[in-house]
Every structure is written in structure tokens, then in C-alpha cells.
C-alpha atoms as a PDB file:
ATOM      1  CA  MET A   1      11.219  -2.297  28.324  1.00  0.00           C
ATOM      2  CA  ILE A   2      10.817  -5.948  27.507  1.00  0.00           C
ATOM      3  CA  THR A   3       8.308  -6.009  24.656  1.00  0.00           C
ATOM      4  CA  LEU A   4       8.559  -5.559  20.898  1.00  0.00           C
ATOM      5  CA  LYS A   5       6.229  -2.586  20.825  1.00  0.00           C
ATOM      6  CA  LYS A   6       7.389  -1.471  17.388  1.00  0.00           C
ATOM      7  CA  THR A   7       6.163  -4.504  15.747  1.00  0.00           C
ATOM      8  CA  PHE A   8       2.620  -4.780  14.446  1.00  0.00           C
ATOM      9  CA  LEU A   9       1.121  -8.184  14.442  1.00  0.00           C
ATOM     10  CA  ALA A  10      -2.389  -9.330  13.276  1.00  0.00           C
ATOM     11  CA  THR A  11      -4.503  -8.481  16.305  1.00  0.00           C
ATOM     12  CA  PHE A  12      -7.335  -7.258  14.091  1.00  0.00           C
ATOM     13  CA  VAL A  13      -8.355 -10.567  12.404  1.00  0.00           C
ATOM     14  CA  VAL A  14     -11.883 -10.554  13.777  1.00  0.00           C
ATOM     15  CA  MET A  15     -12.615  -7.121  12.362  1.00  0.00           C
ATOM     16  CA  LEU A  16     -11.132  -8.162   9.017  1.00  0.00           C
ATOM     17  CA  ALA A  17     -13.352 -11.233   8.941  1.00  0.00           C
ATOM     18  CA  VAL A  18     -16.443  -9.070   9.362  1.00  0.00           C
ATOM     19  CA  CYS A  19     -15.391  -6.681   6.643  1.00  0.00           C
ATOM     20  CA  VAL A  20     -14.148  -9.208   4.101  1.00  0.00           C
ATOM     21  CA  ALA A  21     -17.206 -11.425   4.433  1.00  0.00           C
ATOM     22  CA  SER A  22     -19.327  -8.418   3.602  1.00  0.00           C
ATOM     23  CA  CYS A  23     -17.314  -7.682   0.458  1.00  0.00           C
ATOM     24  CA  ASN A  24     -18.866 -10.703  -1.258  1.00  0.00           C
ATOM     25  CA  SER A  25     -22.469  -9.742  -0.429  1.00  0.00           C
ATOM     26  CA  GLN A  26     -24.967  -7.220  -1.744  1.00  0.00           C
ATOM     27  CA  GLN A  27     -24.157  -3.517  -1.416  1.00  0.00           C
ATOM     28  CA  ARG A  28     -26.694  -3.000   1.350  1.00  0.00           C
ATOM     29  CA  GLU A  29     -25.314  -5.887   3.370  1.00  0.00           C
ATOM     30  CA  LEU A  30     -21.775  -4.647   2.717  1.00  0.00           C
ATOM     31  CA  LYS A  31     -22.554  -1.245   4.185  1.00  0.00           C
ATOM     32  CA  GLU A  32     -24.267  -2.807   7.196  1.00  0.00           C
ATOM     33  CA  MET A  33     -21.337  -5.093   7.948  1.00  0.00           C
ATOM     34  CA  ILE A  34     -18.752  -2.343   7.563  1.00  0.00           C
ATOM     35  CA  ASP A  35     -20.808  -0.146   9.854  1.00  0.00           C
ATOM     36  CA  GLN A  36     -20.921  -3.006  12.356  1.00  0.00           C
ATOM     37  CA  ALA A  37     -17.140  -3.428  12.224  1.00  0.00           C
ATOM     38  CA  ASN A  38     -16.584   0.288  12.670  1.00  0.00           C
ATOM     39  CA  ASP A  39     -18.890   0.318  15.689  1.00  0.00           C
ATOM     40  CA  GLU A  40     -16.105  -1.574  17.498  1.00  0.00           C
ATOM     41  CA  LEU A  41     -13.622   1.205  16.792  1.00  0.00           C
ATOM     42  CA  PRO A  42     -11.479   2.923  17.846  1.00  0.00           C
ATOM     43  CA  ALA A  43      -9.485  -0.001  19.215  1.00  0.00           C
ATOM     44  CA  ARG A  44      -6.069   0.388  20.815  1.00  0.00           C
ATOM     45  CA  PHE A  45      -3.164  -1.879  19.960  1.00  0.00           C
ATOM     46  CA  ASP A  46       0.498  -1.880  21.019  1.00  0.00           C
ATOM     47  CA  PHE A  47       1.602   0.534  18.302  1.00  0.00           C
ATOM     48  CA  GLY A  48      -1.418   2.810  18.070  1.00  0.00           C
ATOM     49  CA  VAL A  49      -5.167   2.939  17.438  1.00  0.00           C
ATOM     50  CA  ALA A  50      -7.248   1.319  14.682  1.00  0.00           C
ATOM     51  CA  THR A  51      -9.659   4.043  13.623  1.00  0.00           C
ATOM     52  CA  SER A  52     -11.637   2.663  10.685  1.00  0.00           C
ATOM     53  CA  ILE A  53     -12.100  -0.245   8.266  1.00  0.00           C
ATOM     54  CA  GLU A  54     -13.489  -0.002   4.769  1.00  0.00           C
ATOM     55  CA  CYS A  55     -13.701  -1.848   1.467  1.00  0.00           C
ATOM     56  CA  LYS A  56     -12.397   0.526  -1.184  1.00  0.00           C
ATOM     57  CA  ASP A  57     -10.946   0.119  -4.670  1.00  0.00           C
ATOM     58  CA  ASN A  58     -10.849  -3.683  -4.356  1.00  0.00           C
ATOM     59  CA  MET A  59      -8.993  -3.414  -1.053  1.00  0.00           C
ATOM     60  CA  VAL A  60      -9.855  -4.095   2.571  1.00  0.00           C
ATOM     61  CA  GLU A  61      -8.333  -1.031   4.238  1.00  0.00           C
ATOM     62  CA  ILE A  62      -7.498  -0.721   7.926  1.00  0.00           C
ATOM     63  CA  HIS A  63      -6.632   2.797   9.062  1.00  0.00           C
ATOM     64  CA  TYR A  64      -4.385   3.434  12.056  1.00  0.00           C
ATOM     65  CA  THR A  65      -3.252   6.433  14.032  1.00  0.00           C
ATOM     66  CA  THR A  66       0.156   5.425  15.342  1.00  0.00           C
ATOM     67  CA  ASP A  67       2.223   6.379  18.374  1.00  0.00           C
ATOM     68  CA  ASP A  68       5.304   8.063  16.903  1.00  0.00           C
ATOM     69  CA  ASN A  69       7.507   6.725  19.695  1.00  0.00           C
ATOM     70  CA  LEU A  70       6.403   3.124  19.280  1.00  0.00           C
ATOM     71  CA  PHE A  71       5.983   3.107  15.509  1.00  0.00           C
ATOM     72  CA  PRO A  72       8.330   5.714  13.966  1.00  0.00           C
ATOM     73  CA  ILE A  73       6.978   6.011  10.436  1.00  0.00           C
ATOM     74  CA  ALA A  74       9.793   8.338   9.360  1.00  0.00           C
ATOM     75  CA  VAL A  75      12.310   5.587  10.161  1.00  0.00           C
ATOM     76  CA  LEU A  76      10.332   2.572   9.032  1.00  0.00           C
ATOM     77  CA  LYS A  77       9.037   3.970   5.737  1.00  0.00           C
ATOM     78  CA  ASP A  78      12.588   3.816   4.364  1.00  0.00           C
ATOM     79  CA  LYS A  79      12.351   0.062   4.850  1.00  0.00           C
ATOM     80  CA  GLY A  80       9.144  -0.407   2.898  1.00  0.00           C
ATOM     81  CA  ASP A  81       9.935  -3.944   1.747  1.00  0.00           C
ATOM     82  CA  LEU A  82      10.632  -5.001   5.327  1.00  0.00           C
ATOM     83  CA  ILE A  83       7.303  -3.602   6.526  1.00  0.00           C
ATOM     84  CA  LYS A  84       5.461  -5.249   3.647  1.00  0.00           C
ATOM     85  CA  ARG A  85       7.019  -8.620   4.470  1.00  0.00           C
ATOM     86  CA  ALA A  86       6.006  -8.121   8.091  1.00  0.00           C
ATOM     87  CA  TRP A  87       2.436  -7.213   7.138  1.00  0.00           C
ATOM     88  CA  LYS A  88       2.168 -10.312   4.956  1.00  0.00           C
ATOM     89  CA  MET A  89       3.614 -12.488   7.694  1.00  0.00           C
ATOM     90  CA  SER A  90       1.385 -11.067  10.413  1.00  0.00           C
ATOM     91  CA  TYR A  91      -1.753 -11.780   8.444  1.00  0.00           C
ATOM     92  CA  ILE A  92      -1.004 -15.007   6.577  1.00  0.00           C
ATOM     93  CA  ASP A  93       1.604 -16.756   8.684  1.00  0.00           C
ATOM     94  CA  GLN A  94       0.817 -15.730  12.254  1.00  0.00           C
ATOM     95  CA  SER A  95      -2.948 -15.285  12.445  1.00  0.00           C
ATOM     96  CA  ALA A  96      -4.578 -18.194  14.220  1.00  0.00           C
ATOM     97  CA  ASN A  97      -7.595 -19.887  12.622  1.00  0.00           C
ATOM     98  CA  ASN A  98      -7.303 -17.541   9.678  1.00  0.00           C
ATOM     99  CA  ASP A  99      -7.738 -19.838   6.656  1.00  0.00           C
ATOM    100  CA  GLN A 100     -11.457 -19.135   6.300  1.00  0.00           C
ATOM    101  CA  VAL A 101     -10.930 -15.372   6.320  1.00  0.00           C
ATOM    102  CA  LEU A 102      -8.025 -15.619   3.888  1.00  0.00           C
ATOM    103  CA  ASN A 103     -10.100 -17.779   1.531  1.00  0.00           C
ATOM    104  CA  LEU A 104     -12.835 -15.140   1.571  1.00  0.00           C
ATOM    105  CA  ILE A 105     -10.327 -12.448   0.652  1.00  0.00           C
ATOM    106  CA  LEU A 106      -8.902 -14.522  -2.178  1.00  0.00           C
ATOM    107  CA  ALA A 107     -12.333 -15.426  -3.540  1.00  0.00           C
ATOM    108  CA  SER A 108     -13.508 -11.821  -3.398  1.00  0.00           C
ATOM    109  CA  GLY A 109     -10.631 -10.603  -5.533  1.00  0.00           C
ATOM    110  CA  TYR A 110      -9.739  -8.088  -2.837  1.00  0.00           C
ATOM    111  CA  GLY A 111      -6.321  -7.198  -1.477  1.00  0.00           C
ATOM    112  CA  LEU A 112      -5.272  -5.822   1.902  1.00  0.00           C
ATOM    113  CA  LYS A 113      -4.080  -2.330   2.743  1.00  0.00           C
ATOM    114  CA  ALA A 114      -2.850  -0.841   6.009  1.00  0.00           C
ATOM    115  CA  VAL A 115      -2.825   2.950   6.243  1.00  0.00           C
ATOM    116  CA  PHE A 116      -0.681   4.451   9.008  1.00  0.00           C
ATOM    117  CA  ASP A 117      -0.705   8.108  10.106  1.00  0.00           C
ATOM    118  CA  GLY A 118       1.546   9.389  12.893  1.00  0.00           C
ATOM    119  CA  GLU A 119      -0.427  10.962  15.715  1.00  0.00           C
ATOM    120  CA  GLU A 120       1.970  13.872  16.237  1.00  0.00           C
ATOM    121  CA  SER A 121       4.251  13.773  13.220  1.00  0.00           C
ATOM    122  CA  HIS A 122       1.369  13.300  10.738  1.00  0.00           C
ATOM    123  CA  ALA A 123       3.752  11.105   8.746  1.00  0.00           C
ATOM    124  CA  HIS A 124       1.859   8.871   6.337  1.00  0.00           C
ATOM    125  CA  PHE A 125       2.649   5.341   5.173  1.00  0.00           C
ATOM    126  CA  GLU A 126       0.690   2.657   3.343  1.00  0.00           C
ATOM    127  CA  VAL A 127       1.326  -1.053   2.891  1.00  0.00           C
ATOM    128  CA  THR A 128      -0.579  -2.914   0.182  1.00  0.00           C
ATOM    129  CA  LEU A 129      -0.867  -6.587  -0.691  1.00  0.00           C
ATOM    130  CA  SER A 130      -2.685  -7.297  -3.935  1.00  0.00           C
ATOM    131  CA  ASN A 131      -4.991 -10.268  -4.310  1.00  0.00           C
ATOM    132  CA  GLU A 132      -2.355 -11.994  -6.442  1.00  0.00           C
ATOM    133  CA  GLU A 133       0.340 -11.405  -3.817  1.00  0.00           C
ATOM    134  CA  LEU A 134      -1.951 -12.893  -1.191  1.00  0.00           C
ATOM    135  CA  LYS A 135      -2.560 -15.949  -3.373  1.00  0.00           C
ATOM    136  CA  GLN A 136       1.158 -16.502  -3.835  1.00  0.00           C
ATOM    137  CA  ALA A 137       1.876 -16.026  -0.141  1.00  0.00           C
ATOM    138  CA  ALA A 138      -0.896 -18.441   0.857  1.00  0.00           C
ATOM    139  CA  LYS A 139       0.685 -21.204  -1.235  1.00  0.00           C
ATOM    140  CA  GLN A 140       3.869 -21.247   0.803  1.00  0.00           C
ATOM    141  CA  LYS A 141       3.713 -19.914   4.343  1.00  0.00           C
ATOM    142  CA  MET A 142       6.863 -18.698   6.042  1.00  0.00           C
ATOM    143  CA  PRO A 143       8.548 -21.181   8.440  1.00  0.00           C
ATOM    144  CA  ILE A 144       8.382 -20.277  12.142  1.00  0.00           C
ATOM    145  CA  SER A 145      12.131 -19.715  12.333  1.00  0.00           C
ATOM    146  CA  GLU A 146      11.974 -17.198   9.468  1.00  0.00           C
ATOM    147  CA  GLN A 147       8.992 -15.439  11.036  1.00  0.00           C
ATOM    148  CA  LEU A 148      10.954 -14.950  14.243  1.00  0.00           C
ATOM    149  CA  ALA A 149      14.042 -13.694  12.400  1.00  0.00           C
ATOM    150  CA  LEU A 150      11.887 -11.199  10.485  1.00  0.00           C
ATOM    151  CA  GLN A 151      10.308  -9.917  13.700  1.00  0.00           C
ATOM    152  CA  LEU A 152      13.750  -9.194  15.110  1.00  0.00           C
ATOM    153  CA  GLU A 153      14.807  -7.488  11.876  1.00  0.00           C
ATOM    154  CA  ILE A 154      11.784  -5.193  12.192  1.00  0.00           C
ATOM    155  CA  THR A 155      12.606  -4.372  15.794  1.00  0.00           C
ATOM    156  CA  ASN A 156      16.279  -3.707  15.106  1.00  0.00           C
ATOM    157  CA  ALA A 157      15.353  -1.305  12.297  1.00  0.00           C
ATOM    158  CA  SER A 158      14.350   1.305  14.892  1.00  0.00           C
ATOM    159  CA  LEU A 159      16.999   0.610  17.530  1.00  0.00           C
ATOM    160  CA  PRO A 160      18.825   1.671  19.649  1.00  0.00           C
ATOM    161  CA  GLN A 161      16.062   3.027  21.871  1.00  0.00           C
ATOM    162  CA  GLN A 162      16.463   4.865  25.161  1.00  0.00           C
ATOM    163  CA  ILE A 163      14.150   3.086  27.614  1.00  0.00           C
ATOM    164  CA  ASP A 164      14.836   5.218  30.688  1.00  0.00           C
ATOM    165  CA  ASP A 165      17.659   7.350  32.074  1.00  0.00           C
ATOM    166  CA  VAL A 166      19.906   4.339  32.653  1.00  0.00           C
ATOM    167  CA  THR A 167      18.733   1.760  30.101  1.00  0.00           C
ATOM    168  CA  THR A 168      19.116   1.552  26.317  1.00  0.00           C
ATOM    169  CA  LEU A 169      17.769  -1.303  24.215  1.00  0.00           C
ATOM    170  CA  ALA A 170      20.705  -1.766  21.848  1.00  0.00           C
ATOM    171  CA  GLY A 171      19.428  -4.667  19.778  1.00  0.00           C
ATOM    172  CA  THR A 172      17.798  -8.076  19.631  1.00  0.00           C
ATOM    173  CA  THR A 173      19.464 -11.297  18.510  1.00  0.00           C
ATOM    174  CA  LEU A 174      18.910 -15.031  18.206  1.00  0.00           C
ATOM    175  CA  GLU A 175      21.497 -16.982  20.175  1.00  0.00           C
ATOM    176  CA  GLY A 176      21.224 -20.741  20.562  1.00  0.00           C
ATOM    177  CA  GLU A 177      17.939 -21.601  22.250  1.00  0.00           C
ATOM    178  CA  PHE A 178      17.171 -17.995  23.183  1.00  0.00           C
ATOM    179  CA  MET A 179      15.757 -14.834  21.688  1.00  0.00           C
ATOM    180  CA  VAL A 180      17.895 -12.141  23.341  1.00  0.00           C
ATOM    181  CA  TYR A 181      17.235  -8.526  24.306  1.00  0.00           C
ATOM    182  CA  ASN A 182      20.553  -6.697  24.632  1.00  0.00           C
ATOM    183  CA  TYR A 183      20.409  -3.771  27.060  1.00  0.00           C
ATOM    184  CA  GLU A 184      23.163  -1.260  27.772  1.00  0.00           C
ATOM    185  CA  ILE A 185      23.161   0.087  31.343  1.00  0.00           C
ATOM    186  CA  ASP A 186      24.643   3.440  32.308  1.00  0.00           C
ATOM    187  CA  ASP A 187      26.509   2.011  35.289  1.00  0.00           C
ATOM    188  CA  SER A 188      27.577   5.453  36.454  1.00  0.00           C
ATOM    189  CA  LYS A 189      23.957   5.675  37.643  1.00  0.00           C
ATOM    190  CA  LEU A 190      23.147   2.019  38.347  1.00  0.00           C
ATOM    191  CA  SER A 191      25.854  -0.555  38.936  1.00  0.00           C
ATOM    192  CA  ILE A 192      25.551  -4.052  37.527  1.00  0.00           C
ATOM    193  CA  ASP A 193      26.614  -5.359  40.942  1.00  0.00           C
ATOM    194  CA  ASP A 194      23.528  -3.726  42.463  1.00  0.00           C
ATOM    195  CA  MET A 195      21.387  -5.267  39.739  1.00  0.00           C
ATOM    196  CA  ILE A 196      22.867  -8.698  40.420  1.00  0.00           C
ATOM    197  CA  ALA A 197      22.063  -8.267  44.101  1.00  0.00           C
ATOM    198  CA  GLN A 198      18.442  -7.643  43.116  1.00  0.00           C
ATOM    199  CA  LYS A 199      18.336 -10.281  40.364  1.00  0.00           C
ATOM    200  CA  ALA A 200      15.425 -12.171  41.937  1.00  0.00           C
ATOM    201  CA  ASN A 201      13.307  -9.012  41.776  1.00  0.00           C
ATOM    202  CA  TYR A 202      14.225  -8.467  38.129  1.00  0.00           C
ATOM    203  CA  GLU A 203      13.231 -12.056  37.342  1.00  0.00           C
ATOM    204  CA  GLU A 204       9.899 -11.683  39.113  1.00  0.00           C
ATOM    205  CA  ASN A 205       9.112  -8.394  37.385  1.00  0.00           C
ATOM    206  CA  ILE A 206       9.954  -9.867  33.984  1.00  0.00           C
ATOM    207  CA  LYS A 207       7.772 -12.921  34.599  1.00  0.00           C
ATOM    208  CA  ARG A 208       4.895 -10.708  35.700  1.00  0.00           C
ATOM    209  CA  ALA A 209       5.167  -8.513  32.609  1.00  0.00           C
ATOM    210  CA  LEU A 210       5.492 -11.482  30.256  1.00  0.00           C
ATOM    211  CA  THR A 211       2.502 -13.229  31.824  1.00  0.00           C
ATOM    212  CA  GLN A 212       0.367 -10.150  31.267  1.00  0.00           C
ATOM    213  CA  GLU A 213       1.439  -9.782  27.636  1.00  0.00           C
ATOM    214  CA  ILE A 214       1.180 -13.472  26.728  1.00  0.00           C
ATOM    215  CA  ASN A 215      -2.317 -13.815  28.128  1.00  0.00           C
ATOM    216  CA  ASP A 216      -3.648 -10.601  26.583  1.00  0.00           C
ATOM    217  CA  ALA A 217      -5.433 -11.519  23.344  1.00  0.00           C
ATOM    218  CA  GLN A 218      -5.062  -7.914  22.113  1.00  0.00           C
ATOM    219  CA  SER A 219      -1.314  -7.704  22.724  1.00  0.00           C
ATOM    220  CA  ALA A 220       0.968  -7.778  19.690  1.00  0.00           C
ATOM    221  CA  ALA A 221       3.876  -8.394  22.075  1.00  0.00           C
ATOM    222  CA  GLY A 222       1.980 -11.370  23.492  1.00  0.00           C
ATOM    223  CA  MET A 223       1.618 -12.815  20.005  1.00  0.00           C
ATOM    224  CA  PHE A 224       5.339 -12.322  19.487  1.00  0.00           C
ATOM    225  CA  PHE A 225       6.229 -14.271  22.628  1.00  0.00           C
ATOM    226  CA  LYS A 226       3.912 -17.069  21.523  1.00  0.00           C
ATOM    227  CA  LEU A 227       5.882 -17.144  18.284  1.00  0.00           C
ATOM    228  CA  VAL A 228       9.069 -17.461  20.338  1.00  0.00           C
ATOM    229  CA  MET A 229       7.518 -20.448  22.123  1.00  0.00           C
ATOM    230  CA  ARG A 230       6.434 -22.085  18.872  1.00  0.00           C
ATOM    231  CA  ALA A 231       9.986 -21.671  17.576  1.00  0.00           C
ATOM    232  CA  GLY A 232      11.171 -23.715  20.561  1.00  0.00           C
ATOM    233  CA  ARG A 233      13.109 -20.832  22.113  1.00  0.00           C
ATOM    234  CA  GLY A 234      13.152 -19.023  25.407  1.00  0.00           C
ATOM    235  CA  VAL A 235      13.973 -15.378  26.157  1.00  0.00           C
ATOM    236  CA  ARG A 236      17.096 -13.856  27.663  1.00  0.00           C
ATOM    237  CA  TYR A 237      17.500 -10.309  28.999  1.00  0.00           C
ATOM    238  CA  HIS A 238      21.171  -9.414  28.731  1.00  0.00           C
ATOM    239  CA  TYR A 239      22.258  -6.327  30.687  1.00  0.00           C
ATOM    240  CA  SER A 240      25.745  -4.945  30.091  1.00  0.00           C
ATOM    241  CA  GLY A 241      27.438  -2.112  31.953  1.00  0.00           C
ATOM    242  CA  LYS A 242      28.445   0.693  29.580  1.00  0.00           C
ATOM    243  CA  THR A 243      31.618   1.477  31.527  1.00  0.00           C
ATOM    244  CA  SER A 244      32.443  -1.644  33.504  1.00  0.00           C
ATOM    245  CA  GLY A 245      31.496  -4.254  30.924  1.00  0.00           C
ATOM    246  CA  LYS A 246      29.968  -6.342  33.699  1.00  0.00           C
ATOM    247  CA  VAL A 247      26.877  -8.309  32.725  1.00  0.00           C
ATOM    248  CA  MET A 248      23.740  -9.821  34.188  1.00  0.00           C
ATOM    249  CA  ASP A 249      21.457 -12.253  32.386  1.00  0.00           C
ATOM    250  CA  VAL A 250      17.873 -13.148  33.214  1.00  0.00           C
ATOM    251  CA  GLU A 251      16.686 -16.208  31.303  1.00  0.00           C
ATOM    252  CA  LEU A 252      13.433 -18.053  30.833  1.00  0.00           C
ATOM    253  CA  ASN A 253      13.861 -21.166  28.720  1.00  0.00           C
ATOM    254  CA  ASN A 254      11.114 -22.461  26.465  1.00  0.00           C
ATOM    255  CA  THR A 255       9.560 -24.596  29.201  1.00  0.00           C
ATOM    256  CA  ALA A 256       9.518 -21.707  31.692  1.00  0.00           C
ATOM    257  CA  LEU A 257       8.007 -19.415  29.064  1.00  0.00           C
ATOM    258  CA  ARG A 258       5.221 -21.887  28.290  1.00  0.00           C
ATOM    259  CA  GLN A 259       4.396 -22.108  31.993  1.00  0.00           C
ATOM    260  CA  LEU A 260       3.350 -18.457  31.912  1.00  0.00           C
ATOM    261  CA  VAL A 261       0.403 -19.237  29.630  1.00  0.00           C
ATOM    262  CA  ASN A 262      -2.886 -19.298  31.496  1.00  0.00           C
ATOM    263  CA  GLU A 263      -4.728 -22.404  30.354  1.00  0.00           C
ATOM    264  CA  LYS A 264      -8.494 -21.942  30.044  1.00  0.00           C
END
């Protein structure tokens, strides 16, 4: 209920590094390295499962089987430019310690391709970044504030979403020092007054969920919340009664959000 599960961030950098490095080596070594990368698959991410990686037609291709509920291809494919911008951002702008891998891709002359296939719908969608597009993007990385705004644009593209029988995620916004989740509550089934009475429990549950996501290296949602931190913002969960109009807010400012990171 509190994560951006429709986003897809660059949680596959290690596998890309293995594959791309091999693309500049002899054919035998290339096959060995691709086989090694694929030995780590399938790997589950927030939006689906990475099933294979290959170097093909001057592209490093990552193939995914996606959860149709979390990554609705039929909806998102109509916003191809938005998804392409997100793919470029997730790899070039958000990936930590990624310069070496990116330099290998640029030097190899390869581009990047993500291939998505819906698990149940069998909908198909591809996003491609040519080598030249990667070179241009690497020259001027997107500012943190623009990265965050783009992430919210991606999320809002597939909203509203029914979370449970009383809760609908209506949209996400940037307001002052907070990134805000706006939830509509069917208060004929759950009153906002009752929620306010249990506000401490809501706060604790949110902190617990955020801590798990933020400290999970494989979580795309965790990477998103780290982006929120880097942008100097906190998070707010804004609950509004559909009938009454009453509201309850649960907030974690930037300092409180950073305190959830487990230092190692």
C-alpha cells in the first residue's frame, strides 16, 4: 500500500556489468560470461521476474516476465516516451557506482534493451536505448529533483489503484518538503475517526514497512525512498474520507526517513 511497485528501477546493475564486460571479449568468453549471468536467474524484483540476459544485435537485452497488476503493460505502453525516460533514468541517473559499467557499454558500441512480457496478459513491450542515446544521456545526468518528479509521473500513469476494500491510492504529489501518497478511504466501512484513534499503530506499521524496503538491496521501492532522501524530502501518507472529507496524515520528515537506514 505504501510502495511504488509500478516503477522499475535499476536493481539489475550487477548482472548488466557481467554481461556488458563480456561483450568486449572473445566469443568464447562472451558465451561463458552470459551463461554465468543467466545462472543467477530467474531473479524476482518488485514488478516481476528477470528471466534472461543476452547480448544480441548490438544490444544488452534483459528479459522480464511482469506481474500484470504491478506493471500493467497495456496501460503503460501507451506512454512509451515516459517509460523510456524512466529506463534511462534508472540506469544512468540512479544506479550507484555505475560509471564503470556505463563506460563499458559506451566503449562496446552496445545499447540497452528491456523486454517485458505480461505473465497473464502476454502483453509485450520493449524499451531500447541506442549507444548514441546512452552517450548523450551520460553527458548530462538528470537532477535529483527531476528524477523524483519523473518517478511520480510514472506512478500516476497507472492510478487510481484499489489497494483493499476500503483504500484507493488516488495519486502521488510533491508538496513542500514531502513526497505525498494520497489515499481515499471508504469511510462507510472505516471511519477516519477510528483511524485517528489508531494513528500510532499506523505510524509504526509504516515505519516497519519502510525500514524493510529501504534496507533491501533488491527492492525498487527501497531505491525510490533513497531517492526521496537524496532530494531532501520526507514522506507523507494522506488519508481522506470519501464521504466525510475528514483527513489523517502520517508524516516522516527527511531526518526521520534517514534514521530508518541500517548503517553497516
